N, C-alpha and C. Protein backbone atom coordinates (compact mmCIF):
# COMPACT_ATOMS: atom_id res chain seq x y z
N MET A 1 -85.68 -6.27 56.82
CA MET A 1 -84.08 -6.26 55.90
C MET A 1 -83.65 -7.46 54.89
N ALA A 2 -84.79 -8.61 55.51
CA ALA A 2 -84.68 -9.50 54.49
C ALA A 2 -85.52 -9.30 52.85
N ALA A 3 -86.59 -8.10 52.72
CA ALA A 3 -87.15 -7.53 51.78
C ALA A 3 -86.00 -6.57 50.69
N HIS A 4 -85.20 -6.49 51.31
CA HIS A 4 -84.24 -5.29 50.82
C HIS A 4 -83.36 -6.40 50.47
N HIS A 5 -83.20 -7.70 51.16
CA HIS A 5 -82.21 -8.07 50.46
C HIS A 5 -82.66 -9.03 49.45
N ASP A 6 -84.27 -9.38 49.23
CA ASP A 6 -84.16 -10.30 48.38
C ASP A 6 -84.52 -8.83 46.82
N GLN A 7 -84.73 -7.83 47.77
CA GLN A 7 -85.01 -6.69 45.98
C GLN A 7 -83.68 -6.48 45.07
N GLU A 8 -82.32 -6.72 46.36
CA GLU A 8 -81.18 -6.35 45.70
C GLU A 8 -80.45 -8.14 44.88
N SER A 9 -80.82 -9.15 45.23
CA SER A 9 -81.39 -10.30 44.39
C SER A 9 -81.96 -10.05 43.32
N VAL A 10 -83.10 -9.78 42.98
CA VAL A 10 -83.87 -9.89 42.07
C VAL A 10 -83.31 -8.47 41.11
N SER A 11 -82.94 -7.17 41.47
CA SER A 11 -82.25 -6.35 40.39
C SER A 11 -80.82 -7.31 39.76
N GLU A 12 -80.63 -7.38 40.99
CA GLU A 12 -78.57 -8.35 40.72
C GLU A 12 -79.07 -9.47 39.12
N GLY A 13 -80.18 -10.02 39.16
CA GLY A 13 -80.55 -10.83 38.35
C GLY A 13 -81.16 -10.56 37.06
N GLY A 14 -81.72 -9.00 37.51
CA GLY A 14 -82.70 -8.40 36.35
C GLY A 14 -80.88 -7.90 35.48
N MET A 15 -80.59 -7.39 36.62
CA MET A 15 -78.93 -6.40 35.86
C MET A 15 -77.82 -7.84 35.27
N PHE A 16 -77.97 -9.06 35.28
CA PHE A 16 -77.26 -9.84 35.12
C PHE A 16 -77.66 -10.23 33.58
N ARG A 17 -79.40 -10.68 33.40
CA ARG A 17 -80.01 -10.88 32.22
C ARG A 17 -79.78 -10.25 31.34
N SER A 18 -79.86 -8.56 31.96
CA SER A 18 -79.84 -7.50 30.87
C SER A 18 -78.52 -7.52 30.66
N LEU A 19 -77.10 -7.88 30.92
CA LEU A 19 -75.59 -7.83 30.34
C LEU A 19 -75.57 -8.87 29.85
N SER A 20 -76.32 -9.85 30.04
CA SER A 20 -76.25 -11.33 29.05
C SER A 20 -77.11 -11.39 28.05
N ARG A 21 -78.12 -10.40 27.65
CA ARG A 21 -78.77 -10.28 26.10
C ARG A 21 -77.99 -9.05 25.78
N PHE A 22 -77.49 -8.13 26.16
CA PHE A 22 -76.57 -7.59 25.80
C PHE A 22 -75.54 -8.04 25.05
N SER A 23 -74.66 -8.58 25.61
CA SER A 23 -73.16 -9.40 25.25
C SER A 23 -73.72 -10.29 24.65
N SER A 24 -74.99 -10.82 24.71
CA SER A 24 -75.61 -11.66 23.32
C SER A 24 -75.50 -11.27 22.05
N THR A 25 -76.13 -9.97 22.11
CA THR A 25 -76.73 -8.79 20.95
C THR A 25 -74.81 -8.43 20.48
N LEU A 26 -73.82 -8.32 21.12
CA LEU A 26 -72.76 -7.86 20.59
C LEU A 26 -71.99 -8.70 19.98
N LEU A 27 -72.31 -9.91 21.06
CA LEU A 27 -71.62 -11.12 20.20
C LEU A 27 -72.31 -11.08 18.97
N GLY A 28 -73.65 -11.39 18.76
CA GLY A 28 -74.61 -11.74 17.13
C GLY A 28 -74.07 -10.67 16.05
N ILE A 29 -73.90 -9.09 16.61
CA ILE A 29 -72.97 -8.44 15.37
C ILE A 29 -72.34 -8.70 15.57
N VAL A 30 -70.85 -8.55 16.09
CA VAL A 30 -69.80 -8.57 15.40
C VAL A 30 -69.42 -10.36 15.32
N HIS A 31 -70.54 -11.15 15.14
CA HIS A 31 -70.27 -12.12 14.56
C HIS A 31 -70.81 -12.05 13.05
N THR A 32 -71.81 -11.32 12.38
CA THR A 32 -72.27 -11.34 11.13
C THR A 32 -71.44 -10.24 10.53
N ARG A 33 -70.99 -9.72 11.81
CA ARG A 33 -69.98 -8.27 10.30
C ARG A 33 -68.57 -9.42 10.31
N ILE A 34 -68.05 -10.09 10.96
CA ILE A 34 -67.44 -10.52 10.82
C ILE A 34 -67.31 -11.44 9.88
N GLU A 35 -68.72 -12.25 9.63
CA GLU A 35 -69.01 -12.93 7.77
C GLU A 35 -68.81 -12.35 6.95
N LEU A 36 -69.43 -11.05 6.86
CA LEU A 36 -69.53 -9.98 6.11
C LEU A 36 -68.20 -9.35 5.49
N LEU A 37 -67.13 -9.60 6.37
CA LEU A 37 -65.67 -9.33 6.23
C LEU A 37 -65.10 -10.31 5.50
N ARG A 38 -65.27 -11.81 5.88
CA ARG A 38 -64.80 -12.75 4.99
C ARG A 38 -65.22 -12.93 3.73
N THR A 39 -66.71 -13.23 3.76
CA THR A 39 -67.29 -12.54 2.41
C THR A 39 -66.16 -11.87 1.23
N GLU A 40 -66.51 -10.13 2.06
CA GLU A 40 -65.80 -9.62 1.19
C GLU A 40 -64.56 -10.02 0.83
N LEU A 41 -64.10 -10.46 1.67
CA LEU A 41 -62.23 -10.84 1.50
C LEU A 41 -61.94 -11.55 0.16
N GLN A 42 -62.89 -13.05 0.81
CA GLN A 42 -62.92 -13.96 -0.55
C GLN A 42 -63.47 -13.15 -2.05
N GLU A 43 -64.45 -12.43 -1.78
CA GLU A 43 -65.01 -11.56 -3.43
C GLU A 43 -63.92 -11.14 -3.79
N GLU A 44 -62.60 -10.42 -3.02
CA GLU A 44 -61.65 -9.83 -3.15
C GLU A 44 -60.30 -10.41 -4.10
N VAL A 45 -60.37 -11.67 -3.04
CA VAL A 45 -59.30 -12.48 -3.91
C VAL A 45 -59.19 -12.36 -5.19
N GLN A 46 -61.03 -13.57 -5.27
CA GLN A 46 -61.29 -14.01 -6.24
C GLN A 46 -61.16 -13.60 -7.44
N TYR A 47 -61.77 -12.37 -7.25
CA TYR A 47 -62.02 -11.15 -8.13
C TYR A 47 -60.11 -10.63 -9.10
N ALA A 48 -59.23 -10.71 -7.29
CA ALA A 48 -58.07 -10.25 -7.91
C ALA A 48 -57.72 -11.55 -8.98
N ALA A 49 -57.65 -12.86 -8.70
CA ALA A 49 -57.22 -14.09 -9.08
C ALA A 49 -57.70 -14.14 -10.48
N LYS A 50 -58.82 -13.78 -10.72
CA LYS A 50 -59.64 -13.57 -12.06
C LYS A 50 -58.50 -12.45 -12.93
N LEU A 51 -58.69 -11.33 -12.70
CA LEU A 51 -58.31 -10.22 -13.10
C LEU A 51 -56.67 -10.36 -13.82
N ALA A 52 -55.80 -11.05 -12.47
CA ALA A 52 -54.23 -10.97 -12.83
C ALA A 52 -54.20 -12.91 -13.96
N LEU A 53 -55.05 -13.29 -13.74
CA LEU A 53 -54.96 -14.37 -14.81
C LEU A 53 -55.35 -13.93 -16.52
N TRP A 54 -56.36 -13.28 -16.13
CA TRP A 54 -56.99 -12.21 -17.74
C TRP A 54 -55.76 -11.64 -18.02
N GLY A 55 -55.69 -10.80 -16.91
CA GLY A 55 -54.26 -9.95 -17.17
C GLY A 55 -53.14 -10.44 -17.98
N PHE A 56 -52.55 -12.07 -17.19
CA PHE A 56 -51.34 -12.51 -17.67
C PHE A 56 -51.68 -12.97 -19.34
N VAL A 57 -52.76 -13.57 -19.05
CA VAL A 57 -52.77 -13.82 -20.38
C VAL A 57 -53.21 -12.84 -21.66
N ALA A 58 -53.73 -11.73 -21.56
CA ALA A 58 -53.51 -10.69 -22.25
C ALA A 58 -51.95 -9.88 -23.17
N ALA A 59 -51.35 -9.99 -21.68
CA ALA A 59 -49.89 -9.16 -22.02
C ALA A 59 -49.10 -10.47 -22.62
N PHE A 60 -49.26 -11.55 -22.39
CA PHE A 60 -48.45 -12.64 -22.96
C PHE A 60 -48.99 -12.39 -24.57
N ALA A 61 -50.23 -12.66 -24.65
CA ALA A 61 -50.48 -12.51 -26.19
C ALA A 61 -50.19 -10.90 -26.99
N GLY A 62 -50.71 -10.16 -26.23
CA GLY A 62 -49.79 -8.51 -26.48
C GLY A 62 -47.95 -8.70 -27.21
N LEU A 63 -47.52 -9.32 -25.65
CA LEU A 63 -46.20 -9.09 -26.17
C LEU A 63 -45.81 -9.80 -27.46
N MET A 64 -46.49 -11.11 -27.52
CA MET A 64 -46.20 -12.01 -28.74
C MET A 64 -46.46 -10.78 -30.02
N ALA A 65 -47.80 -10.46 -30.05
CA ALA A 65 -48.20 -9.76 -31.36
C ALA A 65 -46.73 -8.86 -31.19
N LEU A 66 -46.72 -8.08 -30.58
CA LEU A 66 -45.74 -7.00 -30.34
C LEU A 66 -44.08 -7.22 -31.25
N PHE A 67 -44.10 -8.40 -30.57
CA PHE A 67 -42.57 -9.05 -30.74
C PHE A 67 -42.69 -9.78 -32.78
N MET A 68 -43.73 -10.39 -32.58
CA MET A 68 -43.36 -10.65 -33.89
C MET A 68 -43.90 -9.46 -35.04
N GLY A 69 -44.50 -8.40 -34.34
CA GLY A 69 -44.67 -7.62 -35.80
C GLY A 69 -43.59 -6.59 -35.74
N ALA A 70 -42.82 -6.57 -34.58
CA ALA A 70 -41.54 -5.73 -34.88
C ALA A 70 -40.82 -6.89 -35.46
N LEU A 71 -40.31 -7.62 -35.29
CA LEU A 71 -39.81 -8.79 -36.30
C LEU A 71 -39.98 -8.26 -37.91
N THR A 72 -41.52 -8.45 -38.02
CA THR A 72 -41.92 -8.36 -39.30
C THR A 72 -40.92 -6.98 -40.09
N VAL A 73 -41.22 -5.97 -39.40
CA VAL A 73 -41.00 -4.86 -39.81
C VAL A 73 -39.04 -4.43 -40.10
N VAL A 74 -38.69 -4.85 -39.10
CA VAL A 74 -37.12 -4.85 -39.27
C VAL A 74 -36.75 -6.25 -40.54
N PHE A 75 -37.48 -7.00 -40.52
CA PHE A 75 -37.00 -8.01 -41.72
C PHE A 75 -36.84 -7.33 -43.21
N ALA A 76 -38.48 -6.50 -42.90
CA ALA A 76 -38.84 -5.71 -44.61
C ALA A 76 -38.15 -4.94 -44.44
N PHE A 77 -37.47 -4.12 -43.73
CA PHE A 77 -37.02 -3.17 -43.91
C PHE A 77 -35.07 -3.18 -43.80
N TRP A 78 -35.03 -4.84 -43.55
CA TRP A 78 -33.64 -5.23 -43.43
C TRP A 78 -32.66 -4.58 -44.48
N ASP A 79 -32.49 -4.89 -45.56
CA ASP A 79 -31.50 -4.60 -46.63
C ASP A 79 -31.37 -2.82 -46.59
N THR A 80 -32.71 -2.31 -46.29
CA THR A 80 -32.32 -0.29 -46.25
C THR A 80 -32.56 0.50 -45.56
N HIS A 81 -33.31 -0.05 -44.41
CA HIS A 81 -33.46 0.70 -42.80
C HIS A 81 -33.12 0.10 -41.91
N ARG A 82 -32.84 -0.76 -41.71
CA ARG A 82 -32.96 -1.99 -41.07
C ARG A 82 -32.87 -1.14 -39.22
N LEU A 83 -31.85 -0.01 -38.93
CA LEU A 83 -31.52 0.60 -37.73
C LEU A 83 -32.66 1.45 -37.53
N ALA A 84 -33.07 1.59 -38.58
CA ALA A 84 -34.00 3.30 -38.41
C ALA A 84 -35.61 2.16 -38.15
N ALA A 85 -35.84 0.97 -38.75
CA ALA A 85 -36.92 -0.02 -37.96
C ALA A 85 -36.95 -0.02 -36.78
N SER A 86 -35.62 -0.72 -36.94
CA SER A 86 -35.38 -1.43 -35.14
C SER A 86 -35.59 -0.03 -33.96
N LEU A 87 -34.84 1.48 -33.99
CA LEU A 87 -35.34 1.97 -33.41
C LEU A 87 -36.85 2.47 -33.16
N ALA A 88 -37.69 2.49 -34.45
CA ALA A 88 -38.96 2.66 -34.55
C ALA A 88 -39.18 1.51 -33.57
N MET A 89 -39.41 0.61 -33.71
CA MET A 89 -40.24 -0.49 -33.12
C MET A 89 -39.51 -0.44 -31.19
N VAL A 90 -38.22 -0.09 -30.89
CA VAL A 90 -38.22 0.22 -29.43
C VAL A 90 -39.17 1.29 -28.76
N GLY A 91 -38.82 2.40 -29.88
CA GLY A 91 -39.54 3.86 -29.65
C GLY A 91 -41.24 3.18 -29.15
N LEU A 92 -41.77 2.47 -30.17
CA LEU A 92 -43.04 1.73 -30.15
C LEU A 92 -43.68 1.22 -28.77
N PHE A 93 -42.59 0.47 -28.55
CA PHE A 93 -42.58 -0.61 -27.34
C PHE A 93 -42.19 0.38 -25.88
N VAL A 94 -41.25 1.67 -26.01
CA VAL A 94 -41.62 2.68 -24.91
C VAL A 94 -42.62 3.39 -24.39
N VAL A 95 -43.61 4.00 -25.88
CA VAL A 95 -44.90 4.48 -25.72
C VAL A 95 -45.79 3.54 -25.04
N ILE A 96 -45.99 2.54 -25.84
CA ILE A 96 -46.99 1.25 -24.61
C ILE A 96 -46.94 1.50 -23.71
N ALA A 97 -45.13 1.07 -23.25
CA ALA A 97 -44.76 0.95 -21.49
C ALA A 97 -45.40 2.14 -20.97
N ILE A 98 -44.98 3.27 -21.16
CA ILE A 98 -46.07 4.60 -20.42
C ILE A 98 -47.12 4.62 -20.26
N ALA A 99 -47.59 4.09 -21.42
CA ALA A 99 -49.30 4.28 -21.68
C ALA A 99 -49.69 2.77 -20.68
N ALA A 100 -48.80 1.90 -20.24
CA ALA A 100 -49.39 0.87 -19.33
C ALA A 100 -48.97 1.20 -17.95
N VAL A 101 -48.10 1.76 -18.02
CA VAL A 101 -47.68 2.40 -16.16
C VAL A 101 -48.64 3.68 -15.55
N LEU A 102 -49.56 4.21 -16.97
CA LEU A 102 -50.48 5.60 -16.68
C LEU A 102 -51.48 5.07 -16.54
N VAL A 103 -51.74 3.93 -16.99
CA VAL A 103 -53.22 3.37 -16.94
C VAL A 103 -53.49 2.04 -15.47
N THR A 104 -52.43 1.97 -15.57
CA THR A 104 -52.43 1.23 -14.20
C THR A 104 -52.33 2.24 -13.25
N SER A 105 -51.61 3.02 -13.25
CA SER A 105 -51.72 4.13 -11.94
C SER A 105 -52.60 4.44 -11.84
N HIS A 106 -53.94 5.40 -12.79
CA HIS A 106 -55.24 5.27 -13.01
C HIS A 106 -56.01 4.75 -12.18
N LYS A 107 -55.78 3.38 -12.60
CA LYS A 107 -56.95 2.46 -11.75
C LYS A 107 -56.85 2.18 -10.25
N LEU A 108 -55.34 2.40 -9.75
CA LEU A 108 -54.75 2.62 -8.38
C LEU A 108 -55.60 3.19 -7.58
N ARG A 109 -55.56 4.58 -8.59
CA ARG A 109 -56.26 5.78 -7.40
C ARG A 109 -57.31 5.69 -7.24
N THR A 110 -58.21 5.15 -8.50
CA THR A 110 -59.74 5.55 -8.80
C THR A 110 -60.35 3.99 -7.88
N LYS A 111 -59.66 3.66 -7.57
CA LYS A 111 -60.22 1.98 -6.90
C LYS A 111 -61.33 2.37 -5.75
N PRO A 112 -62.26 2.17 -5.35
CA PRO A 112 -62.98 1.80 -4.30
C PRO A 112 -62.32 1.34 -3.28
N PRO A 113 -62.33 1.77 -2.23
CA PRO A 113 -61.35 1.17 -0.76
C PRO A 113 -62.10 -0.37 -0.56
N MET A 114 -60.89 -1.18 0.05
CA MET A 114 -61.08 -2.33 -0.17
C MET A 114 -61.91 -2.58 1.48
N LEU A 115 -63.04 -3.55 1.60
CA LEU A 115 -64.07 -3.81 2.84
C LEU A 115 -65.12 -2.86 3.00
N ASP A 116 -64.99 -2.11 1.47
CA ASP A 116 -66.20 -0.74 2.03
C ASP A 116 -67.50 -1.02 2.13
N ALA A 117 -68.60 -2.08 2.22
CA ALA A 117 -69.42 -2.61 2.67
C ALA A 117 -69.65 -2.94 4.20
N THR A 118 -68.34 -3.88 4.50
CA THR A 118 -68.24 -4.09 6.24
C THR A 118 -68.62 -2.33 6.79
N LEU A 119 -67.31 -1.54 6.32
CA LEU A 119 -67.02 -0.26 6.87
C LEU A 119 -68.26 0.01 7.09
N ALA A 120 -69.56 0.27 6.29
CA ALA A 120 -70.32 1.11 6.28
C ALA A 120 -71.36 0.19 6.91
N GLU A 121 -71.52 -1.17 7.33
CA GLU A 121 -72.36 -2.14 8.03
C GLU A 121 -71.76 -1.24 9.70
N LEU A 122 -70.40 -1.15 9.43
CA LEU A 122 -70.34 -1.06 11.19
C LEU A 122 -70.60 -0.03 11.22
N ALA A 123 -70.61 1.55 10.63
CA ALA A 123 -70.22 2.46 11.24
C ALA A 123 -72.18 2.82 11.11
N LYS A 124 -72.92 2.53 10.43
CA LYS A 124 -74.64 2.17 11.02
C LYS A 124 -74.90 1.47 12.34
N ASP A 125 -74.17 0.91 12.45
CA ASP A 125 -74.06 -0.05 13.84
C ASP A 125 -73.80 0.97 15.14
N ARG A 126 -72.41 1.64 14.47
CA ARG A 126 -71.91 2.50 15.71
C ARG A 126 -73.01 3.71 15.81
N ASP A 127 -73.51 3.99 15.01
CA ASP A 127 -74.30 5.67 14.76
C ASP A 127 -75.87 4.91 15.12
N ARG A 128 -76.71 3.37 15.57
CA ARG A 128 -77.18 3.20 16.06
C ARG A 128 -77.25 2.90 17.40
N LEU A 129 -76.24 2.50 17.98
CA LEU A 129 -75.84 2.44 19.37
C LEU A 129 -75.57 4.23 19.84
N ARG A 130 -75.17 4.51 19.33
CA ARG A 130 -75.31 6.21 20.05
C ARG A 130 -75.98 6.73 19.99
N ALA A 131 -77.29 6.53 18.61
CA ALA A 131 -78.66 7.22 19.09
C ALA A 131 -79.40 6.55 20.39
N ARG A 132 -79.19 4.84 20.81
CA ARG A 132 -79.96 4.69 21.65
C ARG A 132 -79.17 5.11 23.22
N SER A 133 -78.55 5.50 23.20
CA SER A 133 -77.87 6.05 24.54
C SER A 133 -77.50 7.64 24.41
């Protein structure tokens, strides 16, 4: 009976060690994936900030150029066709706005999914764990 009790304590110790190693491995995997997620999020935020800054600069410069160009056209035709020149400038701005909306919506539809690398790594982990069991 004592030998049976010793075997149980040894198997419990082995099972506890095995469970402890499994937990440690699982925790390591989760830790690595969270670090990857954090890195990807930081990269996405930096990319978005740079894109927004350059977008604002480009929009400001473009709008100033369009405004000055429109004023130049209206002033050039002030004596003869001021209404036609003004309507032509409005039409030009409408066409530019529609083109900008179409380009933006296309870019949003074709953007790769966020956190793609993290999701790919998690899928690999899942597949490896399924293959072992």
